[in-house]
N, C-alpha and C. Protein backbone atom coordinates (compact mmCIF):
# COMPACT_ATOMS: atom_id res chain seq x y z
N MET A 1 -123.16 -48.66 -134.96
CA MET A 1 -121.63 -48.71 -134.81
C MET A 1 -121.50 -49.28 -136.05
N ASN A 2 -119.84 -48.28 -136.68
CA ASN A 2 -119.87 -48.37 -137.33
C ASN A 2 -118.59 -49.46 -137.93
N PRO A 3 -118.80 -50.34 -139.10
CA PRO A 3 -117.93 -51.44 -139.50
C PRO A 3 -116.86 -51.69 -138.84
N ARG A 4 -116.12 -50.56 -139.09
CA ARG A 4 -114.27 -50.85 -138.52
C ARG A 4 -114.34 -50.82 -136.90
N ARG A 5 -115.06 -49.95 -136.43
CA ARG A 5 -115.03 -50.14 -134.92
C ARG A 5 -115.71 -51.42 -134.33
N GLY A 6 -116.72 -51.96 -135.23
CA GLY A 6 -117.23 -53.13 -134.38
C GLY A 6 -116.15 -54.75 -135.02
N PHE A 7 -114.92 -54.50 -135.77
CA PHE A 7 -113.78 -55.12 -136.45
C PHE A 7 -112.83 -54.81 -135.40
N ILE A 8 -112.60 -53.96 -134.56
CA ILE A 8 -111.49 -53.26 -133.79
C ILE A 8 -112.04 -54.33 -132.39
N ILE A 9 -113.55 -53.76 -131.95
CA ILE A 9 -114.01 -54.67 -130.92
C ILE A 9 -113.85 -56.05 -130.85
N GLY A 10 -114.29 -56.51 -131.97
CA GLY A 10 -114.31 -57.92 -131.96
C GLY A 10 -112.95 -58.88 -131.76
N LEU A 11 -111.87 -57.86 -132.61
CA LEU A 11 -110.66 -58.18 -132.58
C LEU A 11 -109.83 -58.48 -131.03
N ALA A 12 -110.77 -57.30 -130.31
CA ALA A 12 -110.05 -57.23 -128.77
C ALA A 12 -110.44 -58.23 -128.30
N ALA A 13 -111.49 -58.42 -128.54
CA ALA A 13 -112.31 -59.29 -127.37
C ALA A 13 -111.88 -60.71 -127.85
N THR A 14 -111.45 -61.15 -129.25
CA THR A 14 -110.69 -62.33 -129.86
C THR A 14 -109.04 -62.52 -129.07
N ALA A 15 -108.64 -60.91 -128.93
CA ALA A 15 -107.64 -61.40 -128.07
C ALA A 15 -107.48 -61.74 -126.84
N LEU A 16 -108.21 -61.07 -126.10
CA LEU A 16 -108.95 -61.05 -124.45
C LEU A 16 -109.12 -62.73 -124.41
N ILE A 17 -110.06 -63.48 -125.08
CA ILE A 17 -110.08 -64.87 -124.85
C ILE A 17 -108.97 -65.88 -124.57
N LEU A 18 -108.27 -65.46 -126.36
CA LEU A 18 -107.19 -66.02 -126.14
C LEU A 18 -106.11 -65.80 -124.96
N MET A 19 -105.54 -64.59 -125.06
CA MET A 19 -105.25 -64.93 -123.48
C MET A 19 -105.75 -65.51 -122.03
N LEU A 20 -106.77 -65.55 -121.96
CA LEU A 20 -107.52 -66.07 -120.93
C LEU A 20 -107.17 -67.78 -121.09
N SER A 21 -107.59 -67.77 -122.35
CA SER A 21 -107.21 -69.45 -122.30
C SER A 21 -105.86 -70.26 -122.06
N ALA A 22 -105.11 -69.35 -122.77
CA ALA A 22 -103.42 -69.67 -122.53
C ALA A 22 -102.97 -69.62 -120.98
N SER A 23 -103.72 -68.52 -120.48
CA SER A 23 -103.35 -68.76 -118.50
C SER A 23 -104.24 -70.03 -118.15
N THR A 24 -104.75 -70.26 -118.97
CA THR A 24 -105.77 -71.30 -118.40
C THR A 24 -104.71 -72.25 -118.49
N VAL A 25 -104.38 -73.09 -120.12
CA VAL A 25 -102.97 -73.68 -119.96
C VAL A 25 -102.03 -73.72 -119.47
N SER A 26 -101.58 -72.79 -118.93
CA SER A 26 -100.56 -72.58 -118.56
C SER A 26 -100.81 -73.29 -116.86
N ALA A 27 -102.01 -72.76 -116.36
CA ALA A 27 -102.14 -73.19 -115.10
C ALA A 27 -102.26 -74.69 -114.99
N VAL A 28 -102.44 -75.50 -116.24
CA VAL A 28 -102.71 -76.69 -116.09
C VAL A 28 -101.60 -77.43 -116.11
N ASP A 29 -100.61 -77.02 -116.88
CA ASP A 29 -99.42 -77.33 -117.09
C ASP A 29 -98.55 -76.82 -115.77
N THR A 30 -98.58 -76.03 -115.05
CA THR A 30 -98.21 -75.91 -113.81
C THR A 30 -98.62 -77.08 -112.75
N ALA A 31 -100.06 -77.37 -113.09
CA ALA A 31 -100.80 -78.44 -112.13
C ALA A 31 -100.22 -79.60 -112.31
N MET A 32 -99.60 -79.95 -113.66
CA MET A 32 -98.93 -81.24 -114.00
C MET A 32 -97.76 -81.20 -113.43
N CYS A 33 -97.21 -80.31 -113.53
CA CYS A 33 -95.33 -80.10 -113.12
C CYS A 33 -95.79 -80.32 -111.28
N GLU A 34 -96.42 -79.73 -111.18
CA GLU A 34 -96.48 -80.28 -109.05
C GLU A 34 -97.09 -80.90 -109.21
N GLN A 35 -97.67 -81.97 -109.98
CA GLN A 35 -98.03 -83.37 -109.51
C GLN A 35 -97.04 -84.50 -109.66
N ALA A 36 -96.14 -83.88 -111.02
CA ALA A 36 -95.00 -84.71 -111.38
C ALA A 36 -93.97 -84.69 -110.42
N GLY A 37 -94.05 -83.38 -109.95
CA GLY A 37 -92.91 -83.05 -108.71
C GLY A 37 -93.14 -83.84 -107.39
N ARG A 38 -94.00 -84.49 -107.18
CA ARG A 38 -94.61 -85.44 -106.24
C ARG A 38 -94.71 -86.85 -106.46
N ASP A 39 -95.04 -87.02 -107.58
CA ASP A 39 -95.10 -88.63 -107.54
C ASP A 39 -93.93 -89.36 -108.40
N LEU A 40 -93.14 -88.44 -109.44
CA LEU A 40 -92.28 -89.02 -110.22
C LEU A 40 -90.99 -89.21 -109.28
N PRO A 41 -90.19 -88.89 -108.07
CA PRO A 41 -89.42 -89.49 -107.56
C PRO A 41 -89.51 -90.54 -106.56
N ASN A 42 -90.65 -90.83 -106.51
CA ASN A 42 -91.04 -92.56 -105.98
C ASN A 42 -91.55 -93.05 -107.37
N ASN A 43 -91.38 -92.71 -108.34
CA ASN A 43 -91.98 -93.48 -109.81
C ASN A 43 -90.59 -94.30 -109.94
N PRO A 44 -90.88 -96.30 -110.42
CA PRO A 44 -89.97 -97.21 -110.58
C PRO A 44 -89.18 -97.45 -111.48
N ASP A 45 -89.63 -96.48 -112.68
CA ASP A 45 -88.90 -96.27 -113.51
C ASP A 45 -88.22 -95.23 -113.55
N ILE A 46 -88.32 -93.97 -112.91
CA ILE A 46 -87.66 -92.89 -112.70
C ILE A 46 -86.42 -93.46 -111.87
N LYS A 47 -86.72 -94.32 -110.67
CA LYS A 47 -85.58 -94.72 -109.79
C LYS A 47 -84.35 -95.66 -111.07
N ALA A 48 -84.82 -96.40 -111.68
CA ALA A 48 -83.99 -97.07 -112.52
C ALA A 48 -83.24 -96.34 -113.32
N PHE A 49 -83.80 -94.96 -113.64
CA PHE A 49 -83.32 -94.31 -114.36
C PHE A 49 -81.64 -93.69 -113.67
N LYS A 50 -82.22 -93.17 -112.38
CA LYS A 50 -81.09 -92.57 -111.33
C LYS A 50 -80.20 -93.83 -111.22
N ASP A 51 -80.59 -94.91 -111.10
CA ASP A 51 -79.58 -96.49 -110.51
C ASP A 51 -78.59 -96.15 -111.81
N CYS A 52 -79.03 -96.04 -113.13
CA CYS A 52 -78.08 -96.02 -113.82
C CYS A 52 -77.24 -94.82 -114.40
N ALA A 53 -78.01 -93.94 -113.75
CA ALA A 53 -77.37 -92.68 -114.23
C ALA A 53 -75.91 -92.49 -113.54
N TYR A 54 -75.44 -92.87 -112.15
CA TYR A 54 -74.14 -92.99 -111.67
C TYR A 54 -73.15 -93.35 -111.96
N SER A 55 -73.52 -94.27 -113.33
CA SER A 55 -72.55 -93.73 -114.62
C SER A 55 -72.62 -93.01 -115.51
N THR A 56 -71.46 -93.30 -116.41
CA THR A 56 -71.94 -92.89 -117.92
C THR A 56 -73.43 -93.65 -118.64
N LEU A 57 -73.72 -92.68 -118.77
CA LEU A 57 -75.44 -92.39 -119.53
C LEU A 57 -75.11 -93.62 -120.80
N THR A 58 -75.99 -94.62 -121.38
CA THR A 58 -75.92 -95.26 -121.91
C THR A 58 -77.63 -94.92 -122.79
N PRO A 59 -77.57 -95.54 -123.84
CA PRO A 59 -78.79 -95.45 -124.64
C PRO A 59 -79.82 -96.12 -123.98
N ARG A 60 -79.66 -97.17 -123.39
CA ARG A 60 -80.59 -97.89 -123.12
C ARG A 60 -81.06 -97.40 -121.92
N CYS A 61 -80.48 -96.76 -120.76
CA CYS A 61 -80.48 -95.97 -119.54
C CYS A 61 -81.53 -94.77 -119.94
N CYS A 62 -81.23 -93.61 -121.04
CA CYS A 62 -82.01 -92.83 -121.73
C CYS A 62 -83.09 -92.67 -122.25
N ARG A 63 -83.46 -94.23 -122.47
CA ARG A 63 -84.92 -95.02 -123.04
C ARG A 63 -85.66 -95.02 -121.88
N LYS A 64 -85.08 -94.82 -120.50
CA LYS A 64 -85.60 -95.15 -119.69
C LYS A 64 -86.67 -93.96 -119.41
N LEU A 65 -86.44 -92.72 -119.78
CA LEU A 65 -87.05 -91.57 -119.79
C LEU A 65 -87.81 -90.95 -120.60
N LEU A 66 -87.86 -91.88 -121.71
CA LEU A 66 -88.79 -91.62 -122.93
C LEU A 66 -90.39 -91.48 -122.70
N PRO A 67 -90.82 -92.26 -121.92
CA PRO A 67 -92.18 -92.01 -120.83
C PRO A 67 -92.63 -91.25 -120.46
N PHE A 68 -91.51 -90.47 -120.22
CA PHE A 68 -91.79 -89.04 -119.55
C PHE A 68 -91.55 -87.52 -119.71
N ALA A 69 -91.70 -87.99 -121.60
CA ALA A 69 -91.21 -86.70 -122.44
C ALA A 69 -92.16 -85.81 -121.95
N LYS A 70 -93.59 -86.12 -121.60
CA LYS A 70 -94.78 -85.05 -121.57
C LYS A 70 -94.11 -84.18 -120.40
N TYR A 71 -93.43 -84.27 -119.90
CA TYR A 71 -92.95 -83.61 -118.50
C TYR A 71 -91.97 -82.66 -118.87
N TYR A 72 -91.28 -82.80 -120.21
CA TYR A 72 -90.29 -81.78 -120.72
C TYR A 72 -90.49 -80.70 -120.23
N ASP A 73 -91.80 -79.79 -120.98
CA ASP A 73 -91.50 -78.02 -120.68
C ASP A 73 -92.02 -77.79 -119.46
N CYS A 74 -92.03 -78.83 -118.25
CA CYS A 74 -91.89 -78.39 -116.95
C CYS A 74 -90.49 -78.32 -116.57
N LEU A 75 -89.52 -78.43 -117.39
CA LEU A 75 -88.08 -77.84 -116.79
C LEU A 75 -88.22 -76.31 -117.09
N ASP A 76 -89.09 -76.30 -117.89
CA ASP A 76 -88.72 -74.67 -117.84
C ASP A 76 -89.22 -73.74 -116.54
N VAL A 77 -89.75 -74.37 -115.70
CA VAL A 77 -90.58 -74.00 -114.25
C VAL A 77 -89.07 -74.15 -113.22
N PRO A 78 -89.03 -73.17 -113.02
CA PRO A 78 -87.77 -72.98 -112.03
C PRO A 78 -87.88 -73.93 -110.94
N THR A 79 -88.83 -74.17 -110.15
CA THR A 79 -89.49 -74.92 -108.90
C THR A 79 -88.93 -76.49 -109.22
N TYR A 80 -89.39 -76.25 -110.44
CA TYR A 80 -89.48 -77.85 -111.35
C TYR A 80 -88.52 -78.80 -111.00
N ARG A 81 -87.57 -77.38 -112.35
CA ARG A 81 -86.05 -77.65 -112.40
C ARG A 81 -84.88 -78.09 -111.60
N ASP A 82 -85.18 -77.08 -110.22
CA ASP A 82 -84.77 -77.32 -108.99
C ASP A 82 -84.73 -78.71 -108.31
N GLN A 83 -86.01 -79.16 -108.15
CA GLN A 83 -86.45 -80.61 -107.78
C GLN A 83 -85.66 -81.61 -108.42
N VAL A 84 -86.01 -81.36 -109.67
CA VAL A 84 -84.99 -82.38 -110.78
C VAL A 84 -83.57 -82.56 -110.10
N ASN A 85 -82.71 -81.28 -110.69
CA ASN A 85 -81.54 -81.35 -110.18
C ASN A 85 -81.14 -81.86 -108.68
N ASN A 86 -81.51 -81.62 -107.85
CA ASN A 86 -81.83 -82.17 -106.24
C ASN A 86 -81.90 -83.78 -106.37
N PHE A 87 -82.94 -83.78 -106.87
CA PHE A 87 -82.97 -85.12 -107.01
C PHE A 87 -81.85 -86.43 -108.17
N LEU A 88 -81.33 -85.33 -108.60
CA LEU A 88 -80.01 -86.14 -109.68
C LEU A 88 -78.75 -86.08 -108.65
N LYS A 89 -78.75 -84.80 -107.84
CA LYS A 89 -77.57 -84.50 -107.03
C LYS A 89 -76.73 -85.75 -106.93
N ASP A 90 -76.84 -86.30 -106.39
CA ASP A 90 -76.05 -87.42 -105.79
C ASP A 90 -75.23 -88.52 -106.91
N THR A 91 -76.12 -88.13 -108.07
CA THR A 91 -75.23 -88.88 -109.14
C THR A 91 -74.45 -88.71 -110.42
N LYS A 92 -74.43 -87.33 -109.43
CA LYS A 92 -73.38 -86.08 -110.19
C LYS A 92 -73.68 -85.65 -111.77
N LYS A 93 -75.15 -85.65 -111.60
CA LYS A 93 -75.31 -85.21 -113.01
C LYS A 93 -76.35 -84.15 -112.88
N THR A 94 -76.46 -83.36 -113.81
CA THR A 94 -77.61 -82.21 -113.61
C THR A 94 -78.45 -82.66 -115.21
N ILE A 95 -79.72 -81.68 -115.30
CA ILE A 95 -80.74 -81.68 -116.35
C ILE A 95 -79.76 -81.55 -117.44
N ASP A 96 -78.94 -80.82 -117.21
CA ASP A 96 -78.14 -80.36 -118.78
C ASP A 96 -77.13 -81.38 -119.39
N ASN A 97 -76.40 -81.85 -118.28
CA ASN A 97 -75.65 -83.18 -118.60
C ASN A 97 -76.29 -84.43 -119.17
N VAL A 98 -77.59 -84.61 -118.67
CA VAL A 98 -78.28 -85.41 -119.00
C VAL A 98 -78.69 -85.74 -120.51
N MET A 99 -79.52 -84.23 -120.70
CA MET A 99 -79.91 -84.22 -121.87
C MET A 99 -78.61 -84.07 -123.02
N ASP A 100 -77.49 -83.37 -122.81
CA ASP A 100 -76.23 -83.78 -123.47
C ASP A 100 -76.10 -85.35 -123.79
N GLU A 101 -75.84 -85.89 -122.51
CA GLU A 101 -75.29 -87.11 -122.80
C GLU A 101 -76.47 -88.24 -123.61
N CYS A 102 -77.90 -88.08 -123.42
CA CYS A 102 -78.66 -88.89 -124.16
C CYS A 102 -78.87 -88.32 -125.15
N ALA A 103 -79.20 -86.86 -125.76
CA ALA A 103 -78.76 -86.38 -127.06
C ALA A 103 -77.99 -86.79 -127.92
N GLY A 104 -76.68 -86.81 -127.40
CA GLY A 104 -75.50 -87.44 -128.23
C GLY A 104 -75.64 -88.18 -128.71
């Protein structure tokens, strides 16, 4: 086998390995989001955030979300995002409102 062909085959194999490992990471993230969707609505800290979210969000209220920052990427999963918006519905807030008020 000539060196150029060997390099191209090696490059293709590396790309395939990276694609497979990326899909594994994605599956783990999805599993984490699914678990969060089941567990977080019953979490006392999340309930405490929701209780204070009925009025204007204060820094103290927003800080209640800090331990859950690891789930931020889950907001890119449409079903998870819908679950969170549905959870917040009776507070008259959405994820976007919370992000604006807590970041501002």
